[in-house]
Amino acid sequence: MSQDLPLIDSRAAWPAALRWGFETALQRGARAVYLSLIFPASDVVVAGQIDLLRRLAGPGLAILAGGAASASYDAALLQAGAFRTDTPEVFERALVEILN
């Protein structure tokens, strides 16, 4: 999505983008997806999108998340069964766990 779009327009486009992205990921045999949660922090709309992401992804697709705002979404990420990967070492451990 373009950075030139107002935030509300970008957030409104999320459900369609998520569906397209996950359909593509699943068709290509992806075992994990990564979310970069930078801005906004602690937004109820984004937290709801994390829940939607889990429902669209299903239990077989791992969700990894990091970024400056990721800690503010701990509850949503935990509920979604996502791995929070704030350092390269944690990211690597999560990938090893997913691939084994």
C-alpha atoms as a PDB file:
ATOM      1  CA  MET A   1       0.000   0.000   0.000  1.00  0.00           C
ATOM      2  CA  SER A   2       1.191   3.478  -0.770  1.00  0.00           C
ATOM      3  CA  GLN A   3       2.536   5.666   2.001  1.00  0.00           C
ATOM      4  CA  ASP A   4       0.672   8.533   0.338  1.00  0.00           C
ATOM      5  CA  LEU A   5      -2.732   7.091   1.275  1.00  0.00           C
ATOM      6  CA  PRO A   6      -4.424   8.355   4.432  1.00  0.00           C
ATOM      7  CA  LEU A   7      -4.205   5.827   7.271  1.00  0.00           C
ATOM      8  CA  ILE A   8      -7.942   5.114   7.287  1.00  0.00           C
ATOM      9  CA  ASP A   9      -7.857   4.173   3.587  1.00  0.00           C
ATOM     10  CA  SER A  10      -4.859   1.905   4.132  1.00  0.00           C
ATOM     11  CA  ARG A  11      -6.499   0.164   7.079  1.00  0.00           C
ATOM     12  CA  ALA A  12      -9.750  -0.257   5.160  1.00  0.00           C
ATOM     13  CA  ALA A  13      -7.818  -2.101   2.441  1.00  0.00           C
ATOM     14  CA  TRP A  14      -6.276  -4.585   4.905  1.00  0.00           C
ATOM     15  CA  PRO A  15      -8.946  -7.328   4.768  1.00  0.00           C
ATOM     16  CA  ALA A  16      -8.728  -7.630   0.978  1.00  0.00           C
ATOM     17  CA  ALA A  17      -4.928  -7.427   1.021  1.00  0.00           C
ATOM     18  CA  LEU A  18      -4.742 -10.085   3.747  1.00  0.00           C
ATOM     19  CA  ARG A  19      -7.009 -12.447   1.843  1.00  0.00           C
ATOM     20  CA  TRP A  20      -4.990 -12.017  -1.346  1.00  0.00           C
ATOM     21  CA  GLY A  21      -1.679 -12.330   0.487  1.00  0.00           C
ATOM     22  CA  PHE A  22      -2.624 -15.460   2.387  1.00  0.00           C
ATOM     23  CA  GLU A  23      -4.211 -17.134  -0.589  1.00  0.00           C
ATOM     24  CA  THR A  24      -0.954 -16.504  -2.464  1.00  0.00           C
ATOM     25  CA  ALA A  25       1.198 -17.681   0.460  1.00  0.00           C
ATOM     26  CA  LEU A  26      -0.834 -20.855   0.889  1.00  0.00           C
ATOM     27  CA  GLN A  27      -0.853 -21.588  -2.845  1.00  0.00           C
ATOM     28  CA  ARG A  28       2.941 -21.318  -2.862  1.00  0.00           C
ATOM     29  CA  GLY A  29       3.334 -23.616   0.122  1.00  0.00           C
ATOM     30  CA  ALA A  30       4.516 -21.004   2.612  1.00  0.00           C
ATOM     31  CA  ARG A  31       4.992 -22.265   6.141  1.00  0.00           C
ATOM     32  CA  ALA A  32       5.239 -18.829   7.744  1.00  0.00           C
ATOM     33  CA  VAL A  33       4.508 -15.151   7.192  1.00  0.00           C
ATOM     34  CA  TYR A  34       6.163 -12.148   8.837  1.00  0.00           C
ATOM     35  CA  LEU A  35       4.470  -8.975  10.063  1.00  0.00           C
ATOM     36  CA  SER A  36       6.465  -5.801  10.554  1.00  0.00           C
ATOM     37  CA  LEU A  37       4.506  -3.841  13.154  1.00  0.00           C
ATOM     38  CA  ILE A  38       5.986  -0.352  13.091  1.00  0.00           C
ATOM     39  CA  PHE A  39       3.076   2.101  13.389  1.00  0.00           C
ATOM     40  CA  PRO A  40       0.573   2.690  14.906  1.00  0.00           C
ATOM     41  CA  ALA A  41       1.157   1.197  18.335  1.00  0.00           C
ATOM     42  CA  SER A  42      -1.718  -0.155  20.440  1.00  0.00           C
ATOM     43  CA  ASP A  43      -4.365   0.314  17.751  1.00  0.00           C
ATOM     44  CA  VAL A  44      -7.548  -1.744  18.185  1.00  0.00           C
ATOM     45  CA  VAL A  45      -8.024  -1.924  14.411  1.00  0.00           C
ATOM     46  CA  VAL A  46      -4.561  -3.442  13.921  1.00  0.00           C
ATOM     47  CA  ALA A  47      -5.178  -5.863  16.815  1.00  0.00           C
ATOM     48  CA  GLY A  48      -8.386  -6.943  15.059  1.00  0.00           C
ATOM     49  CA  GLN A  49      -6.466  -7.413  11.817  1.00  0.00           C
ATOM     50  CA  ILE A  50      -4.011  -9.715  13.602  1.00  0.00           C
ATOM     51  CA  ASP A  51      -7.008 -11.839  14.642  1.00  0.00           C
ATOM     52  CA  LEU A  52      -8.329 -11.780  11.065  1.00  0.00           C
ATOM     53  CA  LEU A  53      -4.893 -12.742   9.814  1.00  0.00           C
ATOM     54  CA  ARG A  54      -4.905 -15.850  12.059  1.00  0.00           C
ATOM     55  CA  ARG A  55      -8.370 -16.874  10.891  1.00  0.00           C
ATOM     56  CA  LEU A  56      -7.376 -16.478   7.231  1.00  0.00           C
ATOM     57  CA  ALA A  57      -4.030 -18.220   7.678  1.00  0.00           C
ATOM     58  CA  GLY A  58      -5.411 -21.219   9.522  1.00  0.00           C
ATOM     59  CA  PRO A  59      -3.434 -23.263  12.019  1.00  0.00           C
ATOM     60  CA  GLY A  60      -0.868 -24.540   9.517  1.00  0.00           C
ATOM     61  CA  LEU A  61       0.730 -21.194   8.697  1.00  0.00           C
ATOM     62  CA  ALA A  62       3.020 -19.712  11.351  1.00  0.00           C
ATOM     63  CA  ILE A  63       2.874 -15.985  12.008  1.00  0.00           C
ATOM     64  CA  LEU A  64       6.037 -14.153  13.031  1.00  0.00           C
ATOM     65  CA  ALA A  65       5.990 -10.496  14.039  1.00  0.00           C
ATOM     66  CA  GLY A  66       8.505  -7.842  14.954  1.00  0.00           C
ATOM     67  CA  GLY A  67       9.057  -4.126  14.694  1.00  0.00           C
ATOM     68  CA  ALA A  68       8.970  -1.069  16.894  1.00  0.00           C
ATOM     69  CA  ALA A  69       5.264  -1.420  17.755  1.00  0.00           C
ATOM     70  CA  SER A  70       5.166  -5.214  18.135  1.00  0.00           C
ATOM     71  CA  ALA A  71       5.349  -5.180  21.951  1.00  0.00           C
ATOM     72  CA  SER A  72       2.150  -3.113  22.075  1.00  0.00           C
ATOM     73  CA  TYR A  73       0.344  -5.982  20.330  1.00  0.00           C
ATOM     74  CA  ASP A  74       1.541  -8.749  22.689  1.00  0.00           C
ATOM     75  CA  ALA A  75      -1.997  -9.760  23.697  1.00  0.00           C
ATOM     76  CA  ALA A  76      -3.239  -9.978  20.102  1.00  0.00           C
ATOM     77  CA  LEU A  77      -0.119 -11.839  18.980  1.00  0.00           C
ATOM     78  CA  LEU A  78      -0.375 -14.293  21.881  1.00  0.00           C
ATOM     79  CA  GLN A  79      -4.042 -14.937  21.141  1.00  0.00           C
ATOM     80  CA  ALA A  80      -3.147 -15.519  17.475  1.00  0.00           C
ATOM     81  CA  GLY A  81      -0.390 -17.957  18.423  1.00  0.00           C
ATOM     82  CA  ALA A  82       2.199 -15.751  16.744  1.00  0.00           C
ATOM     83  CA  PHE A  83       5.922 -15.655  17.454  1.00  0.00           C
ATOM     84  CA  ARG A  84       7.222 -12.210  18.424  1.00  0.00           C
ATOM     85  CA  THR A  85      10.715 -11.985  16.964  1.00  0.00           C
ATOM     86  CA  ASP A  86      12.406  -8.767  18.022  1.00  0.00           C
ATOM     87  CA  THR A  87      15.999  -9.896  17.483  1.00  0.00           C
ATOM     88  CA  PRO A  88      17.724 -11.879  14.737  1.00  0.00           C
ATOM     89  CA  GLU A  89      18.426 -14.664  17.253  1.00  0.00           C
ATOM     90  CA  VAL A  90      14.769 -15.005  18.250  1.00  0.00           C
ATOM     91  CA  PHE A  91      13.761 -14.882  14.574  1.00  0.00           C
ATOM     92  CA  GLU A  92      16.213 -17.681  13.775  1.00  0.00           C
ATOM     93  CA  ARG A  93      14.997 -19.836  16.689  1.00  0.00           C
ATOM     94  CA  ALA A  94      11.382 -19.366  15.570  1.00  0.00           C
ATOM     95  CA  LEU A  95      12.242 -20.413  12.013  1.00  0.00           C
ATOM     96  CA  VAL A  96      14.083 -23.501  13.261  1.00  0.00           C
ATOM     97  CA  GLU A  97      11.036 -24.441  15.354  1.00  0.00           C
ATOM     98  CA  ILE A  98       8.686 -23.908  12.404  1.00  0.00           C
ATOM     99  CA  LEU A  99      10.820 -25.920   9.992  1.00  0.00           C
ATOM    100  CA  ASN A 100      11.267 -28.878  12.353  1.00  0.00           C
END
